[in-house]
PDB file of all heavy atoms in Angstrom:
ATOM      1  N   PRO A   1     -66.803 108.299 143.980  1.00  0.00           N
ATOM      2  CA  PRO A   1     -65.894 107.973 142.877  1.00  0.00           C
ATOM      3  C   PRO A   1     -66.561 108.178 141.517  1.00  0.00           C
ATOM      4  O   PRO A   1     -67.743 107.865 141.345  1.00  0.00           O
ATOM      5  CB  PRO A   1     -65.557 106.498 143.102  1.00  0.00           C
ATOM      6  CG  PRO A   1     -66.657 105.973 143.944  1.00  0.00           C
ATOM      7  CD  PRO A   1     -67.160 107.123 144.757  1.00  0.00           C
ATOM      8  N   HIS A   2     -65.808 108.767 140.596  1.00  0.00           N
ATOM      9  CA  HIS A   2     -66.273 108.949 139.232  1.00  0.00           C
ATOM     10  C   HIS A   2     -65.071 109.138 138.321  1.00  0.00           C
ATOM     11  O   HIS A   2     -63.989 109.497 138.763  1.00  0.00           O
ATOM     12  CB  HIS A   2     -67.248 110.117 139.102  1.00  0.00           C
ATOM     13  CG  HIS A   2     -66.722 111.412 139.638  1.00  0.00           C
ATOM     14  ND1 HIS A   2     -66.681 111.683 140.984  1.00  0.00           N
ATOM     15  CD2 HIS A   2     -66.222 112.503 139.023  1.00  0.00           C
ATOM     16  CE1 HIS A   2     -66.176 112.902 141.168  1.00  0.00           C
ATOM     17  NE2 HIS A   2     -65.887 113.417 140.001  1.00  0.00           N
ATOM     18  N   ASP A   3     -65.276 108.868 137.056  1.00  0.00           N
ATOM     19  CA  ASP A   3     -64.211 109.005 136.066  1.00  0.00           C
ATOM     20  C   ASP A   3     -64.871 109.118 134.701  1.00  0.00           C
ATOM     21  O   ASP A   3     -66.059 108.847 134.552  1.00  0.00           O
ATOM     22  CB  ASP A   3     -63.266 107.800 136.118  1.00  0.00           C
ATOM     23  CG  ASP A   3     -61.927 108.078 135.429  1.00  0.00           C
ATOM     24  OD1 ASP A   3     -61.582 109.262 135.241  1.00  0.00           O
ATOM     25  OD2 ASP A   3     -61.235 107.119 135.090  1.00  0.00           O
ATOM     26  N   GLY A   4     -64.116 109.521 133.729  1.00  0.00           N
ATOM     27  CA  GLY A   4     -64.638 109.626 132.379  1.00  0.00           C
ATOM     28  C   GLY A   4     -63.515 109.484 131.382  1.00  0.00           C
ATOM     29  O   GLY A   4     -62.342 109.631 131.711  1.00  0.00           O
ATOM     30  N   ASP A   5     -63.903 109.202 130.147  1.00  0.00           N
ATOM     31  CA  ASP A   5     -62.924 109.030 129.089  1.00  0.00           C
ATOM     32  C   ASP A   5     -63.581 109.378 127.766  1.00  0.00           C
ATOM     33  O   ASP A   5     -64.810 109.430 127.670  1.00  0.00           O
ATOM     34  CB  ASP A   5     -62.408 107.582 129.074  1.00  0.00           C
ATOM     35  CG  ASP A   5     -61.102 107.451 128.315  1.00  0.00           C
ATOM     36  OD1 ASP A   5     -60.464 108.481 128.005  1.00  0.00           O
ATOM     37  OD2 ASP A   5     -60.711 106.312 128.028  1.00  0.00           O
ATOM     38  N   GLY A   6     -62.785 109.608 126.772  1.00  0.00           N
ATOM     39  CA  GLY A   6     -63.315 109.919 125.458  1.00  0.00           C
ATOM     40  C   GLY A   6     -63.282 111.404 125.174  1.00  0.00           C
ATOM     41  O   GLY A   6     -62.941 112.221 126.034  1.00  0.00           O
ATOM     42  N   GLU A   7     -63.632 111.742 123.952  1.00  0.00           N
ATOM     43  CA  GLU A   7     -63.643 113.136 123.512  1.00  0.00           C
ATOM     44  C   GLU A   7     -65.033 113.710 123.750  1.00  0.00           C
ATOM     45  O   GLU A   7     -65.986 113.344 123.081  1.00  0.00           O
ATOM     46  CB  GLU A   7     -63.257 113.199 122.039  1.00  0.00           C
ATOM     47  CG  GLU A   7     -61.847 112.683 121.785  1.00  0.00           C
ATOM     48  CD  GLU A   7     -61.496 112.565 120.315  1.00  0.00           C
ATOM     49  OE1 GLU A   7     -62.300 112.981 119.452  1.00  0.00           O
ATOM     50  OE2 GLU A   7     -60.410 112.060 120.027  1.00  0.00           O
ATOM     51  N   LEU A   8     -65.149 114.600 124.732  1.00  0.00           N
ATOM     52  CA  LEU A   8     -66.423 115.179 125.121  1.00  0.00           C
ATOM     53  C   LEU A   8     -66.611 116.539 124.454  1.00  0.00           C
ATOM     54  O   LEU A   8     -65.709 117.055 123.800  1.00  0.00           O
ATOM     55  CB  LEU A   8     -66.491 115.300 126.639  1.00  0.00           C
ATOM     56  CG  LEU A   8     -66.259 113.990 127.396  1.00  0.00           C
ATOM     57  CD1 LEU A   8     -66.239 114.220 128.891  1.00  0.00           C
ATOM     58  CD2 LEU A   8     -67.312 112.961 127.013  1.00  0.00           C
ATOM     59  N   HIS A   9     -67.788 117.127 124.637  1.00  0.00           N
ATOM     60  CA  HIS A   9     -68.121 118.405 124.007  1.00  0.00           C
ATOM     61  C   HIS A   9     -68.692 119.374 125.030  1.00  0.00           C
ATOM     62  O   HIS A   9     -69.551 119.014 125.833  1.00  0.00           O
ATOM     63  CB  HIS A   9     -69.147 118.178 122.891  1.00  0.00           C
ATOM     64  CG  HIS A   9     -69.760 119.445 122.374  1.00  0.00           C
ATOM     65  ND1 HIS A   9     -69.042 120.378 121.662  1.00  0.00           N
ATOM     66  CD2 HIS A   9     -71.023 119.925 122.465  1.00  0.00           C
ATOM     67  CE1 HIS A   9     -69.844 121.387 121.343  1.00  0.00           C
ATOM     68  NE2 HIS A   9     -71.050 121.133 121.826  1.00  0.00           N
ATOM     69  N   LEU A  10     -68.199 120.614 124.989  1.00  0.00           N
ATOM     70  CA  LEU A  10     -68.747 121.710 125.779  1.00  0.00           C
ATOM     71  C   LEU A  10     -68.885 122.925 124.868  1.00  0.00           C
ATOM     72  O   LEU A  10     -68.027 123.166 124.015  1.00  0.00           O
ATOM     73  CB  LEU A  10     -67.829 122.092 126.942  1.00  0.00           C
ATOM     74  CG  LEU A  10     -67.652 121.112 128.083  1.00  0.00           C
ATOM     75  CD1 LEU A  10     -66.646 121.650 129.091  1.00  0.00           C
ATOM     76  CD2 LEU A  10     -68.974 120.842 128.770  1.00  0.00           C
ATOM     77  N   ALA A  11     -69.944 123.701 125.068  1.00  0.00           N
ATOM     78  CA  ALA A  11     -70.135 124.945 124.317  1.00  0.00           C
ATOM     79  C   ALA A  11     -70.174 126.108 125.299  1.00  0.00           C
ATOM     80  O   ALA A  11     -70.774 126.014 126.372  1.00  0.00           O
ATOM     81  CB  ALA A  11     -71.435 124.887 123.517  1.00  0.00           C
ATOM     82  N   PHE A  12     -69.536 127.207 124.911  1.00  0.00           N
ATOM     83  CA  PHE A  12     -69.486 128.406 125.735  1.00  0.00           C
ATOM     84  C   PHE A  12     -70.159 129.553 124.985  1.00  0.00           C
ATOM     85  O   PHE A  12     -69.913 129.753 123.790  1.00  0.00           O
ATOM     86  CB  PHE A  12     -68.033 128.776 126.062  1.00  0.00           C
ATOM     87  CG  PHE A  12     -67.313 127.701 126.821  1.00  0.00           C
ATOM     88  CD1 PHE A  12     -66.521 126.780 126.160  1.00  0.00           C
ATOM     89  CD2 PHE A  12     -67.455 127.593 128.194  1.00  0.00           C
ATOM     90  CE1 PHE A  12     -65.857 125.774 126.849  1.00  0.00           C
ATOM     91  CE2 PHE A  12     -66.798 126.587 128.900  1.00  0.00           C
ATOM     92  CZ  PHE A  12     -66.004 125.687 128.228  1.00  0.00           C
ATOM     93  N   ALA A  13     -71.017 130.292 125.684  1.00  0.00           N
ATOM     94  CA  ALA A  13     -71.755 131.403 125.084  1.00  0.00           C
ATOM     95  C   ALA A  13     -70.829 132.594 124.860  1.00  0.00           C
ATOM     96  O   ALA A  13     -69.962 132.886 125.693  1.00  0.00           O
ATOM     97  CB  ALA A  13     -72.907 131.805 126.005  1.00  0.00           C
ATOM     98  N   THR A  14     -71.040 133.270 123.726  1.00  0.00           N
ATOM     99  CA  THR A  14     -70.298 134.488 123.434  1.00  0.00           C
ATOM    100  C   THR A  14     -71.199 135.426 122.633  1.00  0.00           C
ATOM    101  O   THR A  14     -72.035 134.952 121.856  1.00  0.00           O
ATOM    102  CB  THR A  14     -68.983 134.189 122.668  1.00  0.00           C
ATOM    103  OG1 THR A  14     -68.162 135.357 122.656  1.00  0.00           O
ATOM    104  CG2 THR A  14     -69.242 133.752 121.239  1.00  0.00           C
ATOM    105  N   PRO A  15     -71.063 136.741 122.804  1.00  0.00           N
ATOM    106  CA  PRO A  15     -71.867 137.666 121.998  1.00  0.00           C
ATOM    107  C   PRO A  15     -71.484 137.559 120.514  1.00  0.00           C
ATOM    108  O   PRO A  15     -70.336 137.262 120.183  1.00  0.00           O
ATOM    109  CB  PRO A  15     -71.498 139.047 122.545  1.00  0.00           C
ATOM    110  CG  PRO A  15     -70.850 138.806 123.866  1.00  0.00           C
ATOM    111  CD  PRO A  15     -70.237 137.444 123.791  1.00  0.00           C
ATOM    112  N   ALA A  16     -72.436 137.821 119.634  1.00  0.00           N
ATOM    113  CA  ALA A  16     -72.178 137.760 118.194  1.00  0.00           C
ATOM    114  C   ALA A  16     -71.042 138.694 117.787  1.00  0.00           C
ATOM    115  O   ALA A  16     -70.258 138.372 116.891  1.00  0.00           O
ATOM    116  CB  ALA A  16     -73.459 138.098 117.419  1.00  0.00           C
ATOM    117  N   THR A  17     -70.905 139.806 118.478  1.00  0.00           N
ATOM    118  CA  THR A  17     -69.856 140.779 118.150  1.00  0.00           C
ATOM    119  C   THR A  17     -68.454 140.256 118.458  1.00  0.00           C
ATOM    120  O   THR A  17     -67.470 140.852 118.023  1.00  0.00           O
ATOM    121  CB  THR A  17     -70.085 142.096 118.924  1.00  0.00           C
ATOM    122  OG1 THR A  17     -70.176 141.792 120.333  1.00  0.00           O
ATOM    123  CG2 THR A  17     -71.363 142.785 118.466  1.00  0.00           C
ATOM    124  N   GLU A  18     -68.352 139.157 119.199  1.00  0.00           N
ATOM    125  CA  GLU A  18     -67.048 138.598 119.566  1.00  0.00           C
ATOM    126  C   GLU A  18     -66.555 137.492 118.632  1.00  0.00           C
ATOM    127  O   GLU A  18     -65.426 137.023 118.778  1.00  0.00           O
ATOM    128  CB  GLU A  18     -67.106 138.038 120.993  1.00  0.00           C
ATOM    129  CG  GLU A  18     -67.119 139.098 122.067  1.00  0.00           C
ATOM    130  CD  GLU A  18     -65.813 139.888 122.102  1.00  0.00           C
ATOM    131  OE1 GLU A  18     -64.729 139.273 122.173  1.00  0.00           O
ATOM    132  OE2 GLU A  18     -65.889 141.126 122.026  1.00  0.00           O
ATOM    133  N   MET A  19     -67.370 137.056 117.685  1.00  0.00           N
ATOM    134  CA  MET A  19     -66.983 135.901 116.867  1.00  0.00           C
ATOM    135  C   MET A  19     -65.691 136.154 116.078  1.00  0.00           C
ATOM    136  O   MET A  19     -64.813 135.296 116.046  1.00  0.00           O
ATOM    137  CB  MET A  19     -68.123 135.502 115.933  1.00  0.00           C
ATOM    138  CG  MET A  19     -67.933 134.144 115.320  1.00  0.00           C
ATOM    139  SD  MET A  19     -67.640 132.781 116.498  1.00  0.00           S
ATOM    140  CE  MET A  19     -69.260 132.476 117.118  1.00  0.00           C
ATOM    141  N   ALA A  20     -65.548 137.310 115.455  1.00  0.00           N
ATOM    142  CA  ALA A  20     -64.310 137.619 114.714  1.00  0.00           C
ATOM    143  C   ALA A  20     -63.117 137.653 115.665  1.00  0.00           C
ATOM    144  O   ALA A  20     -62.022 137.197 115.307  1.00  0.00           O
ATOM    145  CB  ALA A  20     -64.444 138.943 113.964  1.00  0.00           C
ATOM    146  N   ASN A  21     -63.320 138.168 116.873  1.00  0.00           N
ATOM    147  CA  ASN A  21     -62.238 138.187 117.866  1.00  0.00           C
ATOM    148  C   ASN A  21     -61.838 136.768 118.252  1.00  0.00           C
ATOM    149  O   ASN A  21     -60.656 136.484 118.459  1.00  0.00           O
ATOM    150  CB  ASN A  21     -62.660 138.970 119.112  1.00  0.00           C
ATOM    151  CG  ASN A  21     -62.817 140.446 118.840  1.00  0.00           C
ATOM    152  OD1 ASN A  21     -62.221 140.990 117.919  1.00  0.00           O
ATOM    153  ND2 ASN A  21     -63.646 141.103 119.621  1.00  0.00           N
ATOM    154  N   TRP A  22     -62.827 135.864 118.370  1.00  0.00           N
ATOM    155  CA  TRP A  22     -62.524 134.471 118.693  1.00  0.00           C
ATOM    156  C   TRP A  22     -61.704 133.824 117.583  1.00  0.00           C
ATOM    157  O   TRP A  22     -60.734 133.112 117.856  1.00  0.00           O
ATOM    158  CB  TRP A  22     -63.802 133.667 118.962  1.00  0.00           C
ATOM    159  CG  TRP A  22     -64.175 133.696 120.406  1.00  0.00           C
ATOM    160  CD1 TRP A  22     -65.197 134.381 120.983  1.00  0.00           C
ATOM    161  CD2 TRP A  22     -63.483 133.039 121.468  1.00  0.00           C
ATOM    162  NE1 TRP A  22     -65.188 134.184 122.345  1.00  0.00           N
ATOM    163  CE2 TRP A  22     -64.138 133.352 122.657  1.00  0.00           C
ATOM    164  CE3 TRP A  22     -62.368 132.206 121.521  1.00  0.00           C
ATOM    165  CZ2 TRP A  22     -63.736 132.868 123.899  1.00  0.00           C
ATOM    166  CZ3 TRP A  22     -61.962 131.714 122.760  1.00  0.00           C
ATOM    167  CH2 TRP A  22     -62.631 132.046 123.925  1.00  0.00           C
ATOM    168  N   GLU A  23     -62.085 134.055 116.336  1.00  0.00           N
ATOM    169  CA  GLU A  23     -61.328 133.476 115.217  1.00  0.00           C
ATOM    170  C   GLU A  23     -59.879 133.960 115.233  1.00  0.00           C
ATOM    171  O   GLU A  23     -58.948 133.162 115.085  1.00  0.00           O
ATOM    172  CB  GLU A  23     -61.985 133.825 113.884  1.00  0.00           C
ATOM    173  CG  GLU A  23     -63.252 133.053 113.627  1.00  0.00           C
ATOM    174  CD  GLU A  23     -63.791 133.277 112.238  1.00  0.00           C
ATOM    175  OE1 GLU A  23     -63.257 132.646 111.296  1.00  0.00           O
ATOM    176  OE2 GLU A  23     -64.731 134.084 112.099  1.00  0.00           O
ATOM    177  N   ALA A  24     -59.694 135.252 115.441  1.00  0.00           N
ATOM    178  CA  ALA A  24     -58.338 135.817 115.488  1.00  0.00           C
ATOM    179  C   ALA A  24     -57.556 135.278 116.688  1.00  0.00           C
ATOM    180  O   ALA A  24     -56.372 134.947 116.578  1.00  0.00           O
ATOM    181  CB  ALA A  24     -58.413 137.347 115.535  1.00  0.00           C
ATOM    182  N   TRP A  25     -58.216 135.174 117.846  1.00  0.00           N
ATOM    183  CA  TRP A  25     -57.569 134.694 119.074  1.00  0.00           C
ATOM    184  C   TRP A  25     -57.105 133.251 118.927  1.00  0.00           C
ATOM    185  O   TRP A  25     -55.992 132.897 119.309  1.00  0.00           O
ATOM    186  CB  TRP A  25     -58.535 134.850 120.246  1.00  0.00           C
ATOM    187  CG  TRP A  25     -58.007 134.385 121.564  1.00  0.00           C
ATOM    188  CD1 TRP A  25     -58.485 133.359 122.320  1.00  0.00           C
ATOM    189  CD2 TRP A  25     -56.908 134.927 122.301  1.00  0.00           C
ATOM    190  NE1 TRP A  25     -57.749 133.228 123.472  1.00  0.00           N
ATOM    191  CE2 TRP A  25     -56.774 134.184 123.491  1.00  0.00           C
ATOM    192  CE3 TRP A  25     -56.026 135.982 122.071  1.00  0.00           C
ATOM    193  CZ2 TRP A  25     -55.801 134.443 124.437  1.00  0.00           C
ATOM    194  CZ3 TRP A  25     -55.043 136.247 123.022  1.00  0.00           C
ATOM    195  CH2 TRP A  25     -54.945 135.484 124.188  1.00  0.00           C
ATOM    196  N   LEU A  26     -57.970 132.412 118.351  1.00  0.00           N
ATOM    197  CA  LEU A  26     -57.591 131.016 118.144  1.00  0.00           C
ATOM    198  C   LEU A  26     -56.418 130.915 117.173  1.00  0.00           C
ATOM    199  O   LEU A  26     -55.475 130.156 117.417  1.00  0.00           O
ATOM    200  CB  LEU A  26     -58.789 130.211 117.649  1.00  0.00           C
ATOM    201  CG  LEU A  26     -59.931 130.067 118.661  1.00  0.00           C
ATOM    202  CD1 LEU A  26     -61.143 129.428 118.003  1.00  0.00           C
ATOM    203  CD2 LEU A  26     -59.490 129.284 119.887  1.00  0.00           C
ATOM    204  N   ALA A  27     -56.438 131.689 116.098  1.00  0.00           N
ATOM    205  CA  ALA A  27     -55.325 131.685 115.136  1.00  0.00           C
ATOM    206  C   ALA A  27     -54.038 132.154 115.805  1.00  0.00           C
ATOM    207  O   ALA A  27     -52.980 131.544 115.614  1.00  0.00           O
ATOM    208  CB  ALA A  27     -55.665 132.569 113.933  1.00  0.00           C
ATOM    209  N   GLN A  28     -54.133 133.198 116.604  1.00  0.00           N
ATOM    210  CA  GLN A  28     -52.958 133.729 117.313  1.00  0.00           C
ATOM    211  C   GLN A  28     -52.368 132.678 118.247  1.00  0.00           C
ATOM    212  O   GLN A  28     -51.154 132.625 118.441  1.00  0.00           O
ATOM    213  CB  GLN A  28     -53.362 134.981 118.098  1.00  0.00           C
ATOM    214  CG  GLN A  28     -52.251 135.632 118.877  1.00  0.00           C
ATOM    215  CD  GLN A  28     -52.742 136.844 119.659  1.00  0.00           C
ATOM    216  OE1 GLN A  28     -53.758 137.458 119.329  1.00  0.00           O
ATOM    217  NE2 GLN A  28     -52.035 137.182 120.722  1.00  0.00           N
ATOM    218  N   ASN A  29     -53.214 131.836 118.817  1.00  0.00           N
ATOM    219  CA  ASN A  29     -52.767 130.795 119.738  1.00  0.00           C
ATOM    220  C   ASN A  29     -52.538 129.453 119.048  1.00  0.00           C
ATOM    221  O   ASN A  29     -52.382 128.433 119.714  1.00  0.00           O
ATOM    222  CB  ASN A  29     -53.772 130.649 120.882  1.00  0.00           C
ATOM    223  CG  ASN A  29     -53.620 131.760 121.894  1.00  0.00           C
ATOM    224  OD1 ASN A  29     -52.771 131.691 122.767  1.00  0.00           O
ATOM    225  ND2 ASN A  29     -54.418 132.806 121.760  1.00  0.00           N
ATOM    226  N   GLU A  30     -52.515 129.481 117.712  1.00  0.00           N
ATOM    227  CA  GLU A  30     -52.235 128.305 116.880  1.00  0.00           C
ATOM    228  C   GLU A  30     -53.179 127.145 117.192  1.00  0.00           C
ATOM    229  O   GLU A  30     -52.776 125.991 117.260  1.00  0.00           O
ATOM    230  CB  GLU A  30     -50.776 127.895 117.003  1.00  0.00           C
ATOM    231  CG  GLU A  30     -49.829 128.992 116.561  1.00  0.00           C
ATOM    232  CD  GLU A  30     -48.363 128.626 116.704  1.00  0.00           C
ATOM    233  OE1 GLU A  30     -48.038 127.592 117.305  1.00  0.00           O
ATOM    234  OE2 GLU A  30     -47.540 129.400 116.191  1.00  0.00           O
ATOM    235  N   ILE A  31     -54.465 127.489 117.364  1.00  0.00           N
ATOM    236  CA  ILE A  31     -55.502 126.490 117.588  1.00  0.00           C
ATOM    237  C   ILE A  31     -56.367 126.440 116.335  1.00  0.00           C
ATOM    238  O   ILE A  31     -56.968 127.448 115.940  1.00  0.00           O
ATOM    239  CB  ILE A  31     -56.345 126.835 118.829  1.00  0.00           C
ATOM    240  CG1 ILE A  31     -55.459 126.820 120.081  1.00  0.00           C
ATOM    241  CG2 ILE A  31     -57.517 125.868 118.973  1.00  0.00           C
ATOM    242  CD1 ILE A  31     -56.130 127.314 121.323  1.00  0.00           C
ATOM    243  N   ALA A  32     -56.410 125.273 115.715  1.00  0.00           N
ATOM    244  CA  ALA A  32     -57.156 125.115 114.468  1.00  0.00           C
ATOM    245  C   ALA A  32     -58.659 125.101 114.721  1.00  0.00           C
ATOM    246  O   ALA A  32     -59.132 124.434 115.646  1.00  0.00           O
ATOM    247  CB  ALA A  32     -56.740 123.825 113.769  1.00  0.00           C
ATOM    248  N   VAL A  33     -59.392 125.814 113.898  1.00  0.00           N
ATOM    249  CA  VAL A  33     -60.849 125.753 113.924  1.00  0.00           C
ATOM    250  C   VAL A  33     -61.257 124.502 113.159  1.00  0.00           C
ATOM    251  O   VAL A  33     -60.886 124.314 112.006  1.00  0.00           O
ATOM    252  CB  VAL A  33     -61.472 127.021 113.293  1.00  0.00           C
ATOM    253  CG1 VAL A  33     -62.976 126.866 113.135  1.00  0.00           C
ATOM    254  CG2 VAL A  33     -61.143 128.249 114.134  1.00  0.00           C
ATOM    255  N   VAL A  34     -61.992 123.619 113.827  1.00  0.00           N
ATOM    256  CA  VAL A  34     -62.446 122.373 113.220  1.00  0.00           C
ATOM    257  C   VAL A  34     -63.623 122.638 112.288  1.00  0.00           C
ATOM    258  O   VAL A  34     -63.724 122.055 111.214  1.00  0.00           O
ATOM    259  CB  VAL A  34     -62.852 121.358 114.317  1.00  0.00           C
ATOM    260  CG1 VAL A  34     -63.470 120.110 113.723  1.00  0.00           C
ATOM    261  CG2 VAL A  34     -61.670 121.020 115.200  1.00  0.00           C
ATOM    262  N   GLU A  35     -64.513 123.532 112.715  1.00  0.00           N
ATOM    263  CA  GLU A  35     -65.690 123.856 111.907  1.00  0.00           C
ATOM    264  C   GLU A  35     -66.217 125.221 112.317  1.00  0.00           C
ATOM    265  O   GLU A  35     -66.145 125.607 113.478  1.00  0.00           O
ATOM    266  CB  GLU A  35     -66.781 122.801 112.113  1.00  0.00           C
ATOM    267  CG  GLU A  35     -68.023 123.028 111.274  1.00  0.00           C
ATOM    268  CD  GLU A  35     -69.113 121.999 111.501  1.00  0.00           C
ATOM    269  OE1 GLU A  35     -68.935 121.090 112.336  1.00  0.00           O
ATOM    270  OE2 GLU A  35     -70.157 122.111 110.842  1.00  0.00           O
ATOM    271  N   LYS A  36     -66.743 125.937 111.333  1.00  0.00           N
ATOM    272  CA  LYS A  36     -67.467 127.181 111.575  1.00  0.00           C
ATOM    273  C   LYS A  36     -68.841 126.990 110.957  1.00  0.00           C
ATOM    274  O   LYS A  36     -68.950 126.575 109.804  1.00  0.00           O
ATOM    275  CB  LYS A  36     -66.750 128.364 110.939  1.00  0.00           C
ATOM    276  CG  LYS A  36     -67.440 129.683 111.180  1.00  0.00           C
ATOM    277  CD  LYS A  36     -66.696 130.835 110.544  1.00  0.00           C
ATOM    278  CE  LYS A  36     -67.452 132.133 110.771  1.00  0.00           C
ATOM    279  NZ  LYS A  36     -66.750 133.257 110.143  1.00  0.00           N
ATOM    280  N   ARG A  37     -69.895 127.262 111.747  1.00  0.00           N
ATOM    281  CA  ARG A  37     -71.241 126.989 111.256  1.00  0.00           C
ATOM    282  C   ARG A  37     -72.176 128.142 111.597  1.00  0.00           C
ATOM    283  O   ARG A  37     -72.109 128.718 112.675  1.00  0.00           O
ATOM    284  CB  ARG A  37     -71.761 125.716 111.903  1.00  0.00           C
ATOM    285  CG  ARG A  37     -73.206 125.406 111.524  1.00  0.00           C
ATOM    286  CD  ARG A  37     -73.655 124.118 112.094  1.00  0.00           C
ATOM    287  NE  ARG A  37     -73.055 123.051 111.278  1.00  0.00           N
ATOM    288  CZ  ARG A  37     -73.348 121.776 111.433  1.00  0.00           C
ATOM    289  NH1 ARG A  37     -74.174 121.404 112.377  1.00  0.00           N
ATOM    290  NH2 ARG A  37     -72.801 120.872 110.667  1.00  0.00           N
ATOM    291  N   THR A  38     -73.055 128.455 110.648  1.00  0.00           N
ATOM    292  CA  THR A  38     -74.164 129.380 110.884  1.00  0.00           C
ATOM    293  C   THR A  38     -75.431 128.541 110.946  1.00  0.00           C
ATOM    294  O   THR A  38     -75.695 127.736 110.055  1.00  0.00           O
ATOM    295  CB  THR A  38     -74.257 130.428 109.764  1.00  0.00           C
ATOM    296  OG1 THR A  38     -73.030 131.166 109.712  1.00  0.00           O
ATOM    297  CG2 THR A  38     -75.411 131.398 110.016  1.00  0.00           C
ATOM    298  N   TRP A  39     -76.209 128.743 111.996  1.00  0.00           N
ATOM    299  CA  TRP A  39     -77.402 127.942 112.255  1.00  0.00           C
ATOM    300  C   TRP A  39     -78.647 128.597 111.667  1.00  0.00           C
ATOM    301  O   TRP A  39     -78.640 129.789 111.340  1.00  0.00           O
ATOM    302  CB  TRP A  39     -77.557 127.734 113.764  1.00  0.00           C
ATOM    303  CG  TRP A  39     -76.398 126.985 114.342  1.00  0.00           C
ATOM    304  CD1 TRP A  39     -75.284 127.521 114.942  1.00  0.00           C
ATOM    305  CD2 TRP A  39     -76.198 125.578 114.348  1.00  0.00           C
ATOM    306  NE1 TRP A  39     -74.430 126.535 115.319  1.00  0.00           N
ATOM    307  CE2 TRP A  39     -74.962 125.318 114.964  1.00  0.00           C
ATOM    308  CE3 TRP A  39     -76.963 124.507 113.893  1.00  0.00           C
ATOM    309  CZ2 TRP A  39     -74.465 124.043 115.142  1.00  0.00           C
ATOM    310  CZ3 TRP A  39     -76.476 123.224 114.067  1.00  0.00           C
ATOM    311  CH2 TRP A  39     -75.242 123.002 114.691  1.00  0.00           C
ATOM    312  N   GLU A  40     -79.725 127.823 111.565  1.00  0.00           N
ATOM    313  CA  GLU A  40     -80.987 128.283 110.973  1.00  0.00           C
ATOM    314  C   GLU A  40     -81.528 129.549 111.624  1.00  0.00           C
ATOM    315  O   GLU A  40     -82.119 130.394 110.958  1.00  0.00           O
ATOM    316  CB  GLU A  40     -82.050 127.188 111.065  1.00  0.00           C
ATOM    317  CG  GLU A  40     -81.777 125.991 110.196  1.00  0.00           C
ATOM    318  CD  GLU A  40     -82.803 124.882 110.405  1.00  0.00           C
ATOM    319  OE1 GLU A  40     -83.863 125.138 110.999  1.00  0.00           O
ATOM    320  OE2 GLU A  40     -82.519 123.749 109.963  1.00  0.00           O
TER     321      GLU A  40
END
């Protein structure tokens, strides 16, 4: 037996060349981007 609750986090790997496609895909599917970040 197991269960969970709350807002969890998962990250999925994608090639750098796909980032613009992801932004367009999310917009096309009416999914709001919460944050866009460039790391060190």
